[in-house]
Protein backbone atom coordinates (compact mmCIF):
# COMPACT_ATOMS: atom_id res chain seq x y z
CA MET A 1 16.85 10.53 1.35
CA ASP A 2 14.16 10.16 -1.14
CA SER A 3 14.30 12.14 -4.27
CA LEU A 4 11.75 14.81 -4.97
CA ARG A 5 10.21 12.55 -7.67
CA GLU A 6 9.80 9.70 -5.14
CA GLN A 7 8.31 12.09 -2.56
CA VAL A 8 5.71 13.28 -5.07
CA MET A 9 4.84 9.58 -6.06
CA ILE A 10 4.52 8.70 -2.43
CA ASN A 11 2.15 11.60 -1.81
CA GLN A 12 0.18 10.89 -4.92
CA PHE A 13 -0.18 7.22 -3.98
CA VAL A 14 -1.31 8.04 -0.53
CA SER A 15 -4.02 10.34 -1.89
CA ALA A 16 -5.11 7.91 -4.54
CA ALA A 17 -5.21 4.69 -2.31
CA GLY A 18 -6.03 6.28 1.01
CA CYS A 19 -3.25 4.17 2.65
CA ALA A 20 -0.60 4.82 5.10
CA ARG A 21 2.61 6.42 3.98
CA ASP A 22 4.78 3.44 4.93
CA GLN A 23 2.53 1.05 3.01
CA ALA A 24 2.76 3.38 -0.05
CA ILE A 25 6.52 3.37 0.18
CA GLN A 26 6.83 -0.38 0.50
CA LEU A 27 4.44 -0.96 -2.52
CA LEU A 28 6.35 1.58 -4.59
CA GLN A 29 9.68 0.15 -3.84
CA SER A 30 8.72 -3.36 -4.35
CA THR A 31 7.48 -2.46 -7.88
CA HIS A 32 10.60 -0.31 -8.64
CA TRP A 33 8.53 2.82 -8.45
CA GLN A 34 6.04 1.76 -11.14
CA PHE A 35 3.09 3.76 -9.92
CA GLU A 36 0.26 2.02 -11.80
CA THR A 37 1.55 -1.49 -10.90
CA ALA A 38 1.91 -0.61 -7.20
CA LEU A 39 -1.68 0.91 -7.12
CA SER A 40 -3.08 -2.32 -8.78
CA MET A 41 -1.23 -4.46 -6.14
CA PHE A 42 -2.69 -2.32 -3.40
CA PHE A 43 -6.22 -2.65 -4.61
CA GLN A 44 -5.81 -6.43 -5.39
CA GLU A 45 -4.47 -6.86 -1.72
CA SER A 46 -7.32 -4.68 -0.48
CA ASN A 47 -9.92 -6.85 -2.22
CA ALA A 48 -8.33 -10.10 -0.90
CA CYS A 49 -8.53 -8.65 2.59
CA HIS A 50 -12.13 -7.67 2.45
CA SER A 51 -13.16 -11.11 1.08
CA ASN A 52 -11.12 -13.22 3.29
CA PRO A 53 -11.81 -13.32 7.11
CA HIS A 54 -8.90 -15.75 7.76
CA PHE A 55 -6.54 -13.05 6.39
CA LYS A 56 -7.95 -10.46 8.66
CA ALA A 57 -7.58 -12.51 11.60
CA ARG A 58 -4.05 -13.66 10.88
CA PHE A 59 -2.82 -9.94 10.18
CA ARG A 60 -4.98 -8.11 12.66
CA ASP A 61 -2.13 -6.30 14.17
CA GLN A 62 -0.69 -5.13 10.76
CA ILE A 63 -4.08 -4.02 9.71
CA MET A 64 -4.60 -2.03 12.72
CA ARG A 65 -1.31 -0.26 12.13
CA GLY A 66 -2.24 0.45 8.52
CA LEU A 67 0.56 -1.76 7.07
CA VAL A 68 -1.77 -4.04 5.15
CA CYS A 69 -5.16 -3.33 3.73
């Protein structure tokens, strides 16, 4: 079970990024719970998605489920 600190970070991340909870958890875990680093990665990925139609086509299912972008 996640600690209270992790739960708060997840909630803050979802609120700040407007992303799915699962995506927030994945990004936070991948950055060892470094909030600013995870948020930066999210927005970098988001910008890449919006500017790359091939990415959207390739990951359409994941995008629809809110797992990327």
